[in-house]
Amino acid sequence: MACCVLHPRAPKHWVTPMCSLDPVKGNQTTRGKFMFIGRPLCMASTRPARTASFRASIVSAEEGDAPGAASTSSSSMDQISDPLQCLPGAQMGHSIQGSDVKLLYGEYMDHFWAKLRGNVPGLRIMDLLPEYQVQEASKARVHNWLLCGDRVRRVRFTYFDGGAAGQAFNSLLYPDPRYDLPLLGIDLLSFGSNKILCVVDFQPLVQDPEYLERHTSVLSPIYEKIRDKCGHMSSKFFDETQFFSKYLIFYRSSLGAKEPTLQVPTGKLWEVYLEYVDVYLKALSEAQSNENPDAIAYVKSRQDAYDQYNAERDPAIKLFNTYFGVEWSERFTKDFLFPGATL
């Protein structure tokens, strides 16, 4: 296994210890219509205001005793030295269009980060090249983070911020291949002022009935809470019989940021999202490892097959092409989004 890449120009507080992850490669560039910028420091003055109930729920998320999101008090934020204590939303500050435009999925992102921090032993931030940490075009910005832990091979966070024109929070957790668990996939998107698409799933490595029963049936009672609001994805991009479970949350809305189902902490999607995250992390913590080299190699090959499948189909790649250029997007896809793919 390779160690974390240590880029000579990376900020000192992003240096991390050895981990079981492939290196994240990339080429620095300021060519063309886009540029990369440094990761902003985690300062209270740049963080959008959170409600008191949201701040309180974050503490619960870290302690693992109640669903919620994560934050810290304004007075202590300036003194944080551990980058894991700095929530992604705080690092982003506000939308590229200004503080009047809400980061629609900021609470969803921060909650998942906080739950990982409280439930994954050995969690640490992987070093990324500056061009992958933050990439900015004239009307959009994309922020990325990469983590790993004792039972987690990699978990990536991406927040695409196009302001009111569009936003997306995407995260994908790959378990250590000693565990044959599904991947945890989160894809929350907004298009324009009113279109919403939210996808959350335990993404199975195989479609074997025994495997699906063992790893995804636990979602059934949670899924029932939102079944009547879920639809089916278009076969234009993905096949639901490949790397998806029958408990896939596929939610659409035409109400945009005003959609009641999205609201924190009262929305039904928020409630179900919290439960999916909790159930997955519980399964991860209780999973029994298989130390057989052949079994490990097989699980890794299925994770790579997932990367290949998505690298060939993910419509987000075309979005990145449009905003940040084809050359950068191709590197980003191979090095960060789907490193197991052969492109």
Protein backbone atom coordinates (compact mmCIF):
# COMPACT_ATOMS: atom_id res chain seq x y z
CA MET A 1 0.00 0.00 0.00
CA ALA A 2 1.17 3.50 -0.80
CA CYS A 3 1.51 6.29 1.70
CA CYS A 4 -0.30 9.58 1.52
CA VAL A 5 1.11 12.03 -0.99
CA LEU A 6 2.85 14.93 0.69
CA HIS A 7 2.83 17.86 -1.67
CA PRO A 8 5.60 20.38 -0.99
CA ARG A 9 3.27 23.35 -1.45
CA ALA A 10 0.40 22.02 0.60
CA PRO A 11 -0.48 23.95 3.76
CA LYS A 12 1.36 22.55 6.77
CA HIS A 13 -1.84 21.69 8.63
CA TRP A 14 -2.85 19.27 5.85
CA VAL A 15 0.15 16.98 6.32
CA THR A 16 -1.13 13.56 7.39
CA PRO A 17 0.38 10.27 8.57
CA MET A 18 0.80 7.10 6.57
CA CYS A 19 -2.41 5.46 5.38
CA SER A 20 -3.62 2.64 3.20
CA LEU A 21 -4.55 4.70 0.16
CA ASP A 22 -3.22 5.09 -3.34
CA PRO A 23 -1.44 8.40 -3.95
CA VAL A 24 -3.53 11.27 -5.21
CA LYS A 25 -1.78 12.71 -8.22
CA GLY A 26 -2.27 15.84 -10.22
CA ASN A 27 -0.63 18.70 -12.03
CA GLN A 28 -0.75 22.26 -10.87
CA THR A 29 -2.04 24.69 -13.43
CA THR A 30 -3.48 28.15 -13.71
CA ARG A 31 -4.01 27.86 -17.45
CA GLY A 32 -7.17 28.97 -19.22
CA LYS A 33 -10.40 30.16 -17.68
CA PHE A 34 -9.98 28.55 -14.27
CA MET A 35 -7.57 28.60 -11.40
CA PHE A 36 -6.92 26.84 -8.15
CA ILE A 37 -6.92 28.68 -4.87
CA GLY A 38 -5.68 27.71 -1.44
CA ARG A 39 -7.93 26.08 1.13
CA PRO A 40 -9.32 28.84 3.37
CA LEU A 41 -8.44 28.67 7.04
CA CYS A 42 -11.17 27.45 9.36
CA MET A 43 -12.16 30.78 10.88
CA ALA A 44 -15.35 31.60 12.69
CA SER A 45 -15.65 34.87 10.77
CA THR A 46 -16.05 33.02 7.46
CA ARG A 47 -18.58 30.45 8.61
CA PRO A 48 -22.25 31.00 7.75
CA ALA A 49 -24.49 31.33 10.78
CA ARG A 50 -25.97 28.11 12.15
CA THR A 51 -28.98 27.77 14.36
CA ALA A 52 -28.54 26.88 18.02
CA SER A 53 -30.34 23.58 17.48
CA PHE A 54 -28.02 22.74 14.60
CA ARG A 55 -24.92 23.48 16.70
CA ALA A 56 -26.23 21.33 19.53
CA SER A 57 -27.03 18.45 17.20
CA ILE A 58 -23.44 18.40 15.96
CA VAL A 59 -22.14 17.59 19.39
CA SER A 60 -24.55 14.67 19.49
CA ALA A 61 -23.36 13.51 16.08
CA GLU A 62 -19.77 13.38 17.26
CA GLU A 63 -20.71 11.53 20.42
CA GLY A 64 -22.78 9.07 18.44
CA ASP A 65 -25.82 9.26 20.73
CA ALA A 66 -28.23 11.17 18.52
CA PRO A 67 -28.65 12.20 14.89
CA GLY A 68 -27.55 15.68 13.97
CA ALA A 69 -25.00 17.81 12.23
CA ALA A 70 -21.71 19.25 13.42
CA SER A 71 -20.29 22.59 14.44
CA THR A 72 -18.28 24.30 17.15
CA SER A 73 -18.62 27.59 18.96
CA SER A 74 -17.42 30.73 17.25
CA SER A 75 -15.00 31.53 20.06
CA SER A 76 -13.14 28.23 19.74
CA MET A 77 -13.07 27.90 15.96
CA ASP A 78 -10.11 30.22 15.51
CA GLN A 79 -7.96 28.07 17.77
CA ILE A 80 -8.58 24.69 16.08
CA SER A 81 -5.33 22.96 15.17
CA ASP A 82 -6.72 19.55 14.14
CA PRO A 83 -8.13 19.90 10.61
CA LEU A 84 -10.72 17.19 11.36
CA GLN A 85 -12.30 19.62 13.82
CA CYS A 86 -12.85 22.11 11.02
CA LEU A 87 -16.09 21.30 9.23
CA PRO A 88 -16.18 21.53 5.43
CA GLY A 89 -18.90 24.16 5.56
CA ALA A 90 -16.69 26.37 7.73
CA GLN A 91 -13.82 25.97 5.29
CA MET A 92 -16.05 26.98 2.38
CA GLY A 93 -17.36 30.02 4.23
CA HIS A 94 -20.13 31.08 1.86
CA SER A 95 -21.27 30.56 -1.70
CA ILE A 96 -19.26 31.89 -4.62
CA GLN A 97 -22.20 34.25 -5.21
CA GLY A 98 -21.98 35.68 -1.71
CA SER A 99 -23.44 35.18 1.73
CA ASP A 100 -26.99 35.79 0.48
CA VAL A 101 -26.93 32.45 -1.37
CA LYS A 102 -27.30 29.46 0.92
CA LEU A 103 -25.09 26.40 0.68
CA LEU A 104 -28.12 24.20 0.26
CA TYR A 105 -26.51 20.94 1.36
CA GLY A 106 -23.98 22.34 3.82
CA GLU A 107 -25.67 20.79 6.86
CA TYR A 108 -25.84 17.40 5.13
CA MET A 109 -22.13 17.57 4.38
CA ASP A 110 -21.13 18.75 7.85
CA HIS A 111 -23.25 16.09 9.53
CA PHE A 112 -21.60 13.26 7.61
CA TRP A 113 -18.14 14.65 8.38
CA ALA A 114 -18.99 14.86 12.09
CA LYS A 115 -20.37 11.33 12.17
CA LEU A 116 -17.22 9.98 10.54
CA ARG A 117 -15.10 11.91 13.02
CA GLY A 118 -17.00 10.38 15.92
CA ASN A 119 -17.34 6.83 14.62
CA VAL A 120 -14.33 5.89 12.46
CA PRO A 121 -11.18 5.08 14.47
CA GLY A 122 -7.98 6.45 13.01
CA LEU A 123 -9.79 8.89 10.73
CA ARG A 124 -7.41 11.30 9.05
CA ILE A 125 -7.35 13.77 6.19
CA MET A 126 -5.41 12.84 3.08
CA ASP A 127 -3.26 15.43 1.40
CA LEU A 128 -4.51 16.75 -1.94
CA LEU A 129 -2.77 18.90 -4.50
CA PRO A 130 -4.01 22.50 -4.38
CA GLU A 131 -5.72 22.15 -7.76
CA TYR A 132 -7.91 19.40 -6.29
CA GLN A 133 -8.50 21.03 -2.91
CA VAL A 134 -10.27 24.00 -4.47
CA GLN A 135 -10.79 24.74 -8.16
CA GLU A 136 -12.48 27.95 -9.25
CA ALA A 137 -13.90 29.20 -12.53
CA SER A 138 -15.65 32.50 -13.19
CA LYS A 139 -19.06 31.30 -12.00
CA ALA A 140 -18.40 28.15 -10.00
CA ARG A 141 -16.10 26.61 -7.46
CA VAL A 142 -15.53 23.02 -6.40
CA HIS A 143 -14.16 22.03 -2.97
CA ASN A 144 -12.81 18.54 -2.26
CA TRP A 145 -11.62 16.55 0.74
CA LEU A 146 -10.28 13.02 1.04
CA LEU A 147 -10.24 10.98 4.27
CA CYS A 148 -9.25 7.49 5.32
CA GLY A 149 -9.46 5.47 8.52
CA ASP A 150 -8.84 2.11 10.11
CA ARG A 151 -11.87 0.52 8.40
CA VAL A 152 -12.21 3.01 5.56
CA ARG A 153 -10.02 2.82 2.47
CA ARG A 154 -11.16 6.21 1.25
CA VAL A 155 -14.06 8.58 1.64
CA ARG A 156 -14.25 11.62 -0.57
CA PHE A 157 -16.26 14.80 -0.18
CA THR A 158 -17.04 17.12 -3.09
CA TYR A 159 -19.11 20.30 -2.97
CA PHE A 160 -19.81 21.99 -6.30
CA ASP A 161 -20.89 25.58 -5.73
CA GLY A 162 -22.44 27.38 -8.65
CA GLY A 163 -24.53 29.58 -6.39
CA ALA A 164 -28.18 29.86 -7.35
CA ALA A 165 -27.45 28.26 -10.73
CA GLY A 166 -26.62 24.90 -9.20
CA GLN A 167 -25.04 23.11 -6.27
CA ALA A 168 -24.09 19.54 -5.46
CA PHE A 169 -22.78 17.62 -2.48
CA ASN A 170 -21.29 14.27 -3.41
CA SER A 171 -19.63 11.79 -1.09
CA LEU A 172 -18.54 8.20 -1.53
CA LEU A 173 -17.20 5.89 1.17
CA TYR A 174 -15.14 2.85 0.19
CA PRO A 175 -14.67 0.39 3.07
CA ASP A 176 -11.33 -1.28 3.61
CA PRO A 177 -11.45 -4.32 1.27
CA ARG A 178 -11.15 -6.66 4.25
CA TYR A 179 -14.87 -5.91 4.62
CA ASP A 180 -17.26 -6.78 1.79
CA LEU A 181 -19.69 -4.00 2.68
CA PRO A 182 -21.42 -1.91 0.02
CA LEU A 183 -20.16 1.58 -0.69
CA LEU A 184 -22.08 4.44 0.89
CA GLY A 185 -23.06 6.84 -1.88
CA ILE A 186 -24.49 10.33 -1.36
CA ASP A 187 -25.41 12.65 -4.24
CA LEU A 188 -27.49 15.74 -3.47
CA LEU A 189 -28.03 18.20 -6.31
CA SER A 190 -29.88 21.38 -7.21
CA PHE A 191 -30.38 22.77 -10.70
CA GLY A 192 -31.38 26.38 -11.18
CA SER A 193 -33.82 27.88 -8.73
CA ASN A 194 -36.25 25.00 -8.37
CA LYS A 195 -35.01 21.54 -9.39
CA ILE A 196 -33.79 19.16 -6.69
CA LEU A 197 -32.40 15.62 -7.05
CA CYS A 198 -31.23 13.61 -4.04
CA VAL A 199 -29.73 10.12 -4.24
CA VAL A 200 -28.55 8.08 -1.23
CA ASP A 201 -27.83 4.35 -1.22
CA PHE A 202 -25.81 1.45 0.12
CA GLN A 203 -24.24 0.61 -3.22
CA PRO A 204 -23.71 -3.18 -3.36
CA LEU A 205 -20.59 -4.71 -4.84
CA VAL A 206 -22.62 -7.58 -6.33
CA GLN A 207 -26.30 -8.33 -6.95
CA ASP A 208 -26.21 -11.74 -5.29
CA PRO A 209 -29.46 -12.19 -3.27
CA GLU A 210 -27.66 -13.43 -0.15
CA TYR A 211 -25.27 -10.46 -0.26
CA LEU A 212 -28.12 -8.00 -0.70
CA GLU A 213 -30.11 -9.53 2.14
CA ARG A 214 -27.11 -9.46 4.45
CA HIS A 215 -26.06 -5.90 3.74
CA THR A 216 -29.09 -3.89 2.58
CA SER A 217 -32.26 -5.41 4.09
CA VAL A 218 -31.67 -3.37 7.26
CA LEU A 219 -32.68 -0.30 5.24
CA SER A 220 -36.20 -1.55 4.56
CA PRO A 221 -38.03 0.09 7.52
CA ILE A 222 -36.16 3.36 6.98
CA TYR A 223 -36.90 3.40 3.27
CA GLU A 224 -40.61 2.92 3.96
CA LYS A 225 -40.65 6.38 5.57
CA ILE A 226 -39.89 8.01 2.23
CA ARG A 227 -40.92 5.38 -0.33
CA ASP A 228 -43.92 7.39 -1.52
CA LYS A 229 -41.65 10.31 -2.39
CA CYS A 230 -39.05 8.26 -4.30
CA GLY A 231 -38.92 7.65 -8.03
CA HIS A 232 -36.64 5.73 -10.36
CA MET A 233 -33.51 6.95 -12.06
CA SER A 234 -33.31 7.30 -15.81
CA SER A 235 -31.57 4.48 -17.65
CA LYS A 236 -29.92 7.18 -19.77
CA PHE A 237 -26.97 7.24 -17.39
CA PHE A 238 -27.27 4.36 -14.94
CA ASP A 239 -28.79 0.91 -14.65
CA GLU A 240 -30.49 0.37 -11.28
CA THR A 241 -29.47 -3.30 -11.40
CA GLN A 242 -25.78 -2.32 -11.34
CA PHE A 243 -24.31 -1.12 -8.03
CA PHE A 244 -27.66 0.00 -6.61
CA SER A 245 -29.96 -1.52 -4.00
CA LYS A 246 -33.75 -1.65 -4.01
CA TYR A 247 -33.65 0.80 -1.11
CA LEU A 248 -32.11 3.51 -3.25
CA ILE A 249 -33.42 6.94 -2.27
CA PHE A 250 -34.11 8.76 -5.54
CA TYR A 251 -35.95 11.94 -4.70
CA ARG A 252 -36.97 14.76 -7.04
CA SER A 253 -38.60 18.09 -6.32
CA SER A 254 -39.46 21.26 -8.21
CA LEU A 255 -39.59 23.49 -5.12
CA GLY A 256 -35.86 24.16 -4.84
CA ALA A 257 -34.48 25.42 -1.54
CA LYS A 258 -38.02 25.85 -0.20
CA GLU A 259 -38.71 22.11 -0.43
CA PRO A 260 -39.99 21.08 3.05
CA THR A 261 -38.54 17.59 2.76
CA LEU A 262 -35.00 19.03 2.60
CA GLN A 263 -35.23 21.27 5.63
CA VAL A 264 -32.97 20.81 8.64
CA PRO A 265 -33.95 19.52 11.15
CA THR A 266 -37.62 18.88 10.26
CA GLY A 267 -37.53 17.47 6.72
CA LYS A 268 -38.27 13.83 5.97
CA LEU A 269 -35.26 13.51 3.67
CA TRP A 270 -33.02 14.89 6.41
CA GLU A 271 -34.46 12.35 8.87
CA VAL A 272 -33.94 9.41 6.53
CA TYR A 273 -30.48 10.62 5.51
CA LEU A 274 -29.40 10.65 9.17
CA GLU A 275 -30.66 7.10 9.62
CA TYR A 276 -28.93 5.78 6.49
CA VAL A 277 -25.64 7.27 7.68
CA ASP A 278 -26.08 5.89 11.20
CA VAL A 279 -26.98 2.39 10.01
CA TYR A 280 -24.05 2.29 7.62
CA LEU A 281 -21.50 3.39 10.21
CA LYS A 282 -22.91 0.86 12.70
CA ALA A 283 -22.53 -1.91 10.12
CA LEU A 284 -18.99 -0.75 9.39
CA SER A 285 -18.03 -0.80 13.07
CA GLU A 286 -19.50 -4.29 13.59
CA ALA A 287 -18.26 -5.93 10.37
CA GLN A 288 -15.99 -8.95 10.65
CA SER A 289 -12.86 -8.72 8.55
CA ASN A 290 -11.83 -11.38 6.06
CA GLU A 291 -8.05 -11.57 5.97
CA ASN A 292 -7.94 -14.03 3.07
CA PRO A 293 -5.79 -12.38 0.35
CA ASP A 294 -8.06 -13.69 -2.41
CA ALA A 295 -11.16 -12.30 -0.70
CA ILE A 296 -9.48 -8.93 -0.18
CA ALA A 297 -8.38 -8.82 -3.82
CA TYR A 298 -11.91 -9.66 -4.97
CA VAL A 299 -13.51 -6.89 -2.93
CA LYS A 300 -10.94 -4.40 -4.21
CA SER A 301 -11.63 -5.53 -7.78
CA ARG A 302 -15.35 -4.91 -7.29
CA GLN A 303 -14.65 -1.45 -5.89
CA ASP A 304 -12.51 -0.78 -8.97
CA ALA A 305 -15.33 -2.09 -11.17
CA TYR A 306 -17.62 0.44 -9.49
CA ASP A 307 -15.15 3.19 -10.34
CA GLN A 308 -14.94 2.04 -13.95
CA TYR A 309 -18.72 1.90 -14.31
CA ASN A 310 -19.18 5.40 -12.94
CA ALA A 311 -16.20 7.00 -14.67
CA GLU A 312 -17.83 6.02 -17.96
CA ARG A 313 -21.30 7.32 -17.04
CA ASP A 314 -21.30 10.01 -14.36
CA PRO A 315 -22.92 13.15 -15.85
CA ALA A 316 -21.04 15.32 -13.34
CA ILE A 317 -17.89 14.83 -15.40
CA LYS A 318 -19.43 16.81 -18.27
CA LEU A 319 -20.32 19.54 -15.81
CA PHE A 320 -16.69 19.75 -14.70
CA ASN A 321 -15.62 19.80 -18.35
CA THR A 322 -17.82 22.83 -18.94
CA TYR A 323 -16.64 24.84 -15.96
CA PHE A 324 -13.03 23.76 -15.48
CA GLY A 325 -11.90 22.39 -18.84
CA VAL A 326 -11.54 18.88 -20.23
CA GLU A 327 -7.88 18.40 -19.32
CA TRP A 328 -8.35 19.19 -15.64
CA SER A 329 -11.60 17.21 -15.46
CA GLU A 330 -9.97 14.10 -16.90
CA ARG A 331 -7.19 14.25 -14.32
CA PHE A 332 -9.69 14.95 -11.56
CA THR A 333 -11.82 11.96 -12.56
CA LYS A 334 -8.89 9.57 -12.65
CA ASP A 335 -6.97 10.86 -9.63
CA PHE A 336 -9.80 11.76 -7.27
CA LEU A 337 -13.33 10.80 -8.28
CA PHE A 338 -12.77 7.26 -9.56
CA PRO A 339 -9.12 6.25 -9.11
CA GLY A 340 -9.86 2.56 -9.67
CA ALA A 341 -10.99 3.20 -13.25
CA THR A 342 -8.85 2.63 -16.31
CA LEU A 343 -9.42 5.60 -18.61
